[in-house]
Protein backbone atom coordinates (compact mmCIF):
# COMPACT_ATOMS: atom_id res chain seq x y z
CA MET A 1 60.02 61.67 74.34
CA PRO A 2 57.14 59.09 75.22
CA ALA A 3 54.41 60.01 77.63
CA PHE A 4 55.82 57.58 80.26
CA TRP A 5 59.16 59.00 80.28
CA HIS A 6 58.00 62.30 80.33
CA TRP A 7 55.90 61.80 83.45
CA PHE A 8 58.47 59.72 85.28
CA VAL A 9 61.21 62.26 84.88
CA ALA A 10 58.93 65.21 85.71
CA ALA A 11 57.26 63.63 88.78
CA GLY A 12 60.75 62.11 89.82
CA THR A 13 62.33 65.67 89.99
CA ILE A 14 59.15 67.21 91.49
CA VAL A 15 59.19 64.59 94.43
CA PHE A 16 62.95 64.88 95.23
CA ILE A 17 62.56 68.60 95.29
CA ILE A 18 59.78 68.23 97.97
CA TRP A 19 61.63 65.63 99.55
CA CYS A 20 64.83 67.78 100.11
CA ILE A 21 62.78 70.74 101.28
CA TRP A 22 61.48 68.50 103.93
CA LEU A 23 64.53 66.62 104.78
CA ILE A 24 66.40 70.22 105.47
CA SER A 25 63.45 71.54 107.33
CA TRP A 26 63.07 68.28 109.59
CA SER A 27 67.17 68.57 110.20
CA ALA A 28 67.18 71.89 111.19
CA LYS A 29 64.78 71.36 113.99
CA GLN A 30 66.89 68.38 115.43
CA GLY A 31 69.46 68.39 117.87
CA PRO A 32 70.80 66.70 121.11
CA GLN A 33 68.25 66.29 123.51
CA ASN A 34 68.68 68.14 127.06
CA VAL A 35 71.96 69.68 126.04
CA ALA A 36 72.52 73.28 126.18
CA ASP A 37 74.09 75.01 123.24
CA ASP A 38 77.37 75.45 125.17
CA ASP A 39 77.45 72.01 126.27
CA LEU A 40 79.35 69.03 124.95
CA VAL A 41 77.32 66.44 123.31
CA GLY A 42 79.17 63.48 124.47
CA HIS A 43 81.39 62.42 121.39
CA LYS A 44 85.29 62.22 121.61
CA TRP A 45 87.67 61.22 118.97
CA ASP A 46 91.44 60.75 119.27
CA GLY A 47 91.32 61.21 123.22
CA ASP A 48 90.80 65.10 123.32
CA LEU A 49 88.68 66.07 120.16
CA GLU A 50 85.16 66.75 121.33
CA GLU A 51 81.80 68.18 119.68
CA TRP A 52 80.18 71.08 121.11
CA ASN A 53 76.35 71.55 120.58
CA ASN A 54 76.69 74.37 118.10
CA PRO A 55 74.14 74.52 115.52
CA ALA A 56 75.13 75.52 111.92
CA PRO A 57 74.29 79.28 111.22
CA LYS A 58 70.97 80.30 109.98
CA TRP A 59 72.42 81.82 106.76
CA TRP A 60 74.17 78.54 106.07
CA LEU A 61 70.60 76.99 106.37
CA TYR A 62 69.27 79.83 103.95
CA LEU A 63 71.50 78.88 101.27
CA TYR A 64 69.93 75.50 100.99
CA PHE A 65 66.49 77.00 100.70
CA ILE A 66 67.83 79.47 98.14
CA THR A 67 69.45 76.79 96.14
CA ILE A 68 65.87 75.00 96.15
CA ALA A 69 64.06 77.94 95.21
CA TRP A 70 66.71 78.62 92.18
CA SER A 71 66.36 75.11 90.79
CA ILE A 72 62.33 75.62 91.05
CA GLY A 73 62.62 78.78 88.92
CA TYR A 74 65.12 77.17 86.64
CA LEU A 75 63.01 74.22 85.80
CA ILE A 76 60.01 76.62 85.16
CA ALA A 77 62.08 78.73 82.85
CA PHE A 78 64.34 76.09 81.08
CA PRO A 79 63.63 72.51 80.03
CA GLY A 80 64.12 69.86 82.77
CA LEU A 81 60.96 68.33 83.25
CA GLY A 82 60.60 65.67 80.80
CA SER A 83 59.50 67.04 77.50
CA PHE A 84 58.46 70.44 79.16
CA GLN A 85 60.16 73.08 77.02
CA GLY A 86 60.27 75.82 79.92
CA MET A 87 58.56 79.28 79.65
CA LEU A 88 61.51 81.04 78.08
CA GLY A 89 61.36 78.55 74.93
CA TRP A 90 65.22 77.96 75.11
CA SER A 91 66.64 75.13 73.51
CA GLN A 92 69.98 73.61 72.50
CA GLU A 93 69.29 73.78 68.88
CA GLY A 94 67.71 77.38 68.93
CA GLN A 95 70.84 78.28 70.71
CA TYR A 96 73.27 76.51 68.16
CA GLU A 97 71.54 78.18 65.35
CA ALA A 98 71.64 81.69 66.77
CA GLU A 99 75.31 81.37 67.27
CA MET A 100 75.85 79.98 63.79
CA GLN A 101 73.77 82.88 62.19
CA TYR A 102 75.79 85.44 64.52
CA ALA A 103 79.16 83.83 63.00
CA ALA A 104 77.96 83.80 59.73
CA GLU A 105 76.87 87.41 59.75
CA THR A 106 80.25 88.39 61.69
CA TYR A 107 82.57 86.08 59.62
CA GLU A 108 81.22 85.19 56.14
CA PRO A 109 82.09 88.68 54.58
CA ILE A 110 85.90 87.99 55.71
CA TYR A 111 85.61 84.50 54.16
CA ALA A 112 83.75 86.06 50.79
CA GLU A 113 86.57 88.59 50.27
CA PHE A 114 89.17 85.97 50.41
CA ALA A 115 87.33 83.31 48.48
CA ALA A 116 87.04 86.02 45.65
CA MET A 117 90.77 86.00 45.24
CA ASP A 118 92.25 84.02 42.48
CA PHE A 119 93.45 80.40 43.86
CA ASP A 120 97.00 80.89 43.21
CA ALA A 121 97.04 84.63 45.10
CA LEU A 122 95.13 82.89 47.95
CA THR A 123 97.90 80.38 48.78
CA LYS A 124 100.31 83.16 49.39
CA ASN A 125 98.46 85.68 51.17
CA PRO A 126 99.18 85.45 55.00
CA ASP A 127 95.94 86.56 56.13
CA ALA A 128 94.01 83.85 54.43
CA LEU A 129 96.82 81.28 55.08
CA ALA A 130 96.36 82.18 58.83
CA LEU A 131 92.61 81.71 58.52
CA GLY A 132 93.08 78.38 56.63
CA LYS A 133 95.31 77.20 59.33
CA SER A 134 92.72 77.86 61.99
CA LEU A 135 90.27 75.73 59.90
CA PHE A 136 92.83 72.95 59.73
CA ALA A 137 93.67 73.00 63.29
CA SER A 138 89.96 72.85 64.18
CA TYR A 139 88.83 69.94 61.70
CA CYS A 140 91.64 68.25 60.14
CA THR A 141 94.44 67.46 62.93
CA THR A 142 92.55 64.60 64.27
CA CYS A 143 93.32 62.38 61.06
CA HIS A 144 96.17 64.34 59.59
CA GLY A 145 98.03 65.43 62.74
CA SER A 146 98.62 68.88 63.92
CA ASP A 147 101.87 69.10 61.64
CA ALA A 148 99.93 67.77 58.78
CA ARG A 149 102.34 65.05 58.13
CA GLY A 150 99.69 62.37 58.36
CA ALA A 151 99.96 58.78 59.84
CA VAL A 152 99.33 55.02 58.68
CA GLY A 153 96.33 55.26 56.50
CA TYR A 154 96.35 59.22 56.61
CA PRO A 155 97.98 61.05 53.77
CA ASN A 156 101.07 63.42 54.39
CA LEU A 157 100.13 66.96 53.34
CA THR A 158 103.15 68.49 53.50
CA ASP A 159 104.82 66.42 50.50
CA ASP A 160 104.38 66.91 46.96
CA ASN A 161 102.49 63.52 46.53
CA TRP A 162 98.79 64.09 45.48
CA GLN A 163 96.68 60.94 45.02
CA TRP A 164 93.71 62.93 43.73
CA GLY A 165 95.64 65.79 42.18
CA ASP A 166 96.78 68.90 43.51
CA THR A 167 94.46 71.34 41.45
CA GLU A 168 92.14 73.85 42.93
CA GLN A 169 89.43 71.55 41.62
CA ALA A 170 90.70 68.42 42.94
CA ILE A 171 91.57 69.59 46.47
CA THR A 172 88.28 71.65 46.97
CA THR A 173 86.63 68.59 45.95
CA SER A 174 88.30 66.40 48.38
CA ILE A 175 87.54 68.78 51.18
CA GLY A 176 83.85 69.42 50.18
CA GLN A 177 82.66 66.16 48.73
CA GLY A 178 85.08 63.82 50.28
CA ARG A 179 86.84 60.57 48.76
CA ASN A 180 86.30 56.99 48.98
CA ALA A 181 89.59 55.21 48.27
CA ILE A 182 88.86 51.32 47.47
CA MET A 183 91.68 48.67 46.81
CA THR A 184 90.32 45.80 45.42
CA PRO A 185 91.51 42.46 47.37
CA TRP A 186 93.30 40.17 44.80
CA GLY A 187 94.22 37.39 47.12
CA GLN A 188 91.62 34.87 45.78
CA ILE A 189 92.42 35.66 42.14
CA LEU A 190 96.20 35.47 42.42
CA GLY A 191 95.48 31.93 44.25
CA SER A 192 98.40 31.32 46.96
CA ASP A 193 100.23 33.53 49.57
CA GLU A 194 103.49 32.71 47.52
CA THR A 195 101.98 34.66 44.50
CA VAL A 196 100.75 37.57 46.62
CA THR A 197 104.44 37.60 48.03
CA ASN A 198 105.93 37.64 44.39
CA MET A 199 103.27 40.26 43.54
CA ALA A 200 104.18 42.48 46.46
CA ASN A 201 107.93 41.99 45.52
CA TYR A 202 107.33 43.30 42.05
CA VAL A 203 105.49 46.36 43.11
CA ARG A 204 108.14 47.02 45.71
CA SER A 205 110.72 46.86 42.91
CA LEU A 206 108.63 49.60 40.93
CA SER A 207 109.97 52.13 43.27
CA GLY A 208 113.33 50.71 43.95
CA LEU A 209 112.87 49.49 47.31
CA ALA A 210 114.03 45.97 46.07
CA GLU A 211 115.44 44.15 43.10
CA ALA A 212 112.88 41.97 41.47
CA ASP A 213 113.94 38.40 41.30
CA GLU A 214 112.73 35.86 38.65
CA ALA A 215 109.57 34.95 40.60
CA ALA A 216 108.89 38.69 41.06
CA GLN A 217 109.56 39.74 37.67
CA ALA A 218 107.36 36.85 36.31
CA MET A 219 104.11 38.85 37.72
CA ALA A 220 104.65 41.71 35.29
CA THR A 221 102.13 40.49 33.18
CA GLN A 222 99.68 39.88 35.54
CA PHE A 223 100.33 43.36 37.15
CA THR A 224 99.49 44.85 33.56
CA THR A 225 96.26 42.74 33.37
CA LEU A 226 95.07 43.06 37.12
CA CYS A 227 96.38 46.35 38.12
CA GLY A 228 97.15 48.56 35.27
CA ALA A 229 93.31 49.87 34.75
CA CYS A 230 93.97 51.72 37.96
CA HIS A 231 97.76 52.12 38.52
CA MET A 232 98.47 52.20 34.85
CA PRO A 233 100.84 49.47 33.27
CA ASP A 234 103.94 51.29 34.45
CA GLY A 235 102.60 51.88 37.92
CA THR A 236 102.58 55.56 37.94
CA GLY A 237 98.77 55.76 39.23
CA ASN A 238 95.74 57.60 38.20
CA PRO A 239 94.76 60.72 40.22
CA LEU A 240 91.41 60.57 38.45
CA LEU A 241 90.84 57.28 40.16
CA GLY A 242 92.74 57.92 43.63
CA ALA A 243 94.92 55.17 42.51
CA PRO A 244 98.44 55.91 43.97
CA ASN A 245 101.52 56.09 42.07
CA LEU A 246 103.67 52.68 42.81
CA THR A 247 106.97 54.19 41.35
CA ASP A 248 107.54 57.03 44.03
CA ASP A 249 108.69 56.58 47.93
CA VAL A 250 105.32 57.28 49.32
CA TRP A 251 103.50 54.42 50.92
CA LEU A 252 100.05 55.19 52.77
CA TYR A 253 100.17 51.91 54.69
CA GLY A 254 103.88 51.13 54.85
CA SER A 255 106.10 49.63 52.60
CA SER A 256 107.33 46.35 53.95
CA VAL A 257 106.72 43.23 52.06
CA ASP A 258 104.28 41.94 54.65
CA VAL A 259 102.30 45.28 54.41
CA VAL A 260 102.14 45.39 50.79
CA SER A 261 101.18 41.83 50.47
CA THR A 262 98.22 42.23 52.89
CA THR A 263 97.20 45.36 50.86
CA ILE A 264 97.43 43.27 47.65
CA ALA A 265 95.38 40.07 49.15
CA GLU A 266 93.09 41.81 51.35
CA GLY A 267 92.51 45.32 49.79
CA ARG A 268 92.18 48.65 51.50
CA SER A 269 89.24 50.97 52.10
CA GLY A 270 90.04 54.54 53.15
CA GLN A 271 87.50 57.29 53.44
CA MET A 272 88.05 61.12 53.46
CA PRO A 273 84.59 62.48 55.17
CA ALA A 274 82.70 65.28 53.13
CA HIS A 275 82.77 68.60 54.79
CA GLY A 276 81.26 70.72 52.15
CA ASP A 277 77.71 71.08 54.20
CA LEU A 278 79.69 72.17 57.32
CA PHE A 279 82.21 74.64 55.72
CA GLY A 280 80.32 76.17 52.46
CA ASP A 281 82.20 77.07 49.48
CA ASN A 282 83.92 80.07 51.10
CA ARG A 283 85.69 78.15 53.72
CA THR A 284 86.26 75.15 51.67
CA LYS A 285 88.54 77.19 49.16
CA ILE A 286 90.27 78.87 51.92
CA LEU A 287 91.24 75.69 53.60
CA ALA A 288 92.27 74.01 50.24
CA ALA A 289 94.41 77.02 49.26
CA TYR A 290 96.09 76.52 53.01
CA VAL A 291 96.38 73.04 52.58
CA TYR A 292 98.05 73.29 49.03
CA SER A 293 100.61 75.95 50.46
CA LEU A 294 101.73 73.15 52.72
CA SER A 295 103.44 71.09 50.12
CA GLN A 296 104.93 74.59 48.74
CA GLU A 297 106.90 75.30 51.75
């Protein structure tokens, strides 16, 4: 923190505390003039609601001073005055690291025990799956949903369609290192909206969504030339590249002519964030086993 802001925060806080002490002390000495404690002060509301000259009890006043004394002690012990770190040396980072160390010492042996199991056995172990379900609920539901069925642009993890493959290595890589799925935009190369629509109709015909008319069928050669390198000439996709299978009934962004045309013309860019540094190898394997099990139920 720059020196100016340190002194700005520290001086402002100290001056405010001093002002509070003065204000409470001054207010405690104030009261209606020439009015006895058991007399009315002359204020009246709603015709019969009147105010008596009854000062607040002393214990109420003392609570204010106790609160101020506690705030002073807190600011001495903990950070709060600019860049002053406090006499106890507490910090958010320190507490976080201590809690993470405690969690590692407590739970890592459990993770290690499960991670030592064969992947196939792990996908059928109820205790390991319960642990994986907890990890999934904490870190994955924001994108894939609490039921793991995904949403537009986020894969459904409960079906048997695996864009990057369903092996242990493929799933742990997706979780640990993340994925970048990039669909190249082909609008300018295809040249016109009509050609893009014809290509969309051809792509939809590969999965049986529509019957390819003559114009759409004429796009077969261009599909093989432009799209076959990733999606394969027959449209069955390539998990090594994350290129989807276009012959099944799974459509990540939707299967309408307009949506498919947009995908072809403008491309897509999807990202699965890497979680390896957060999870570590053991938890990554456990979560991978749980994710795999979702498609086997």
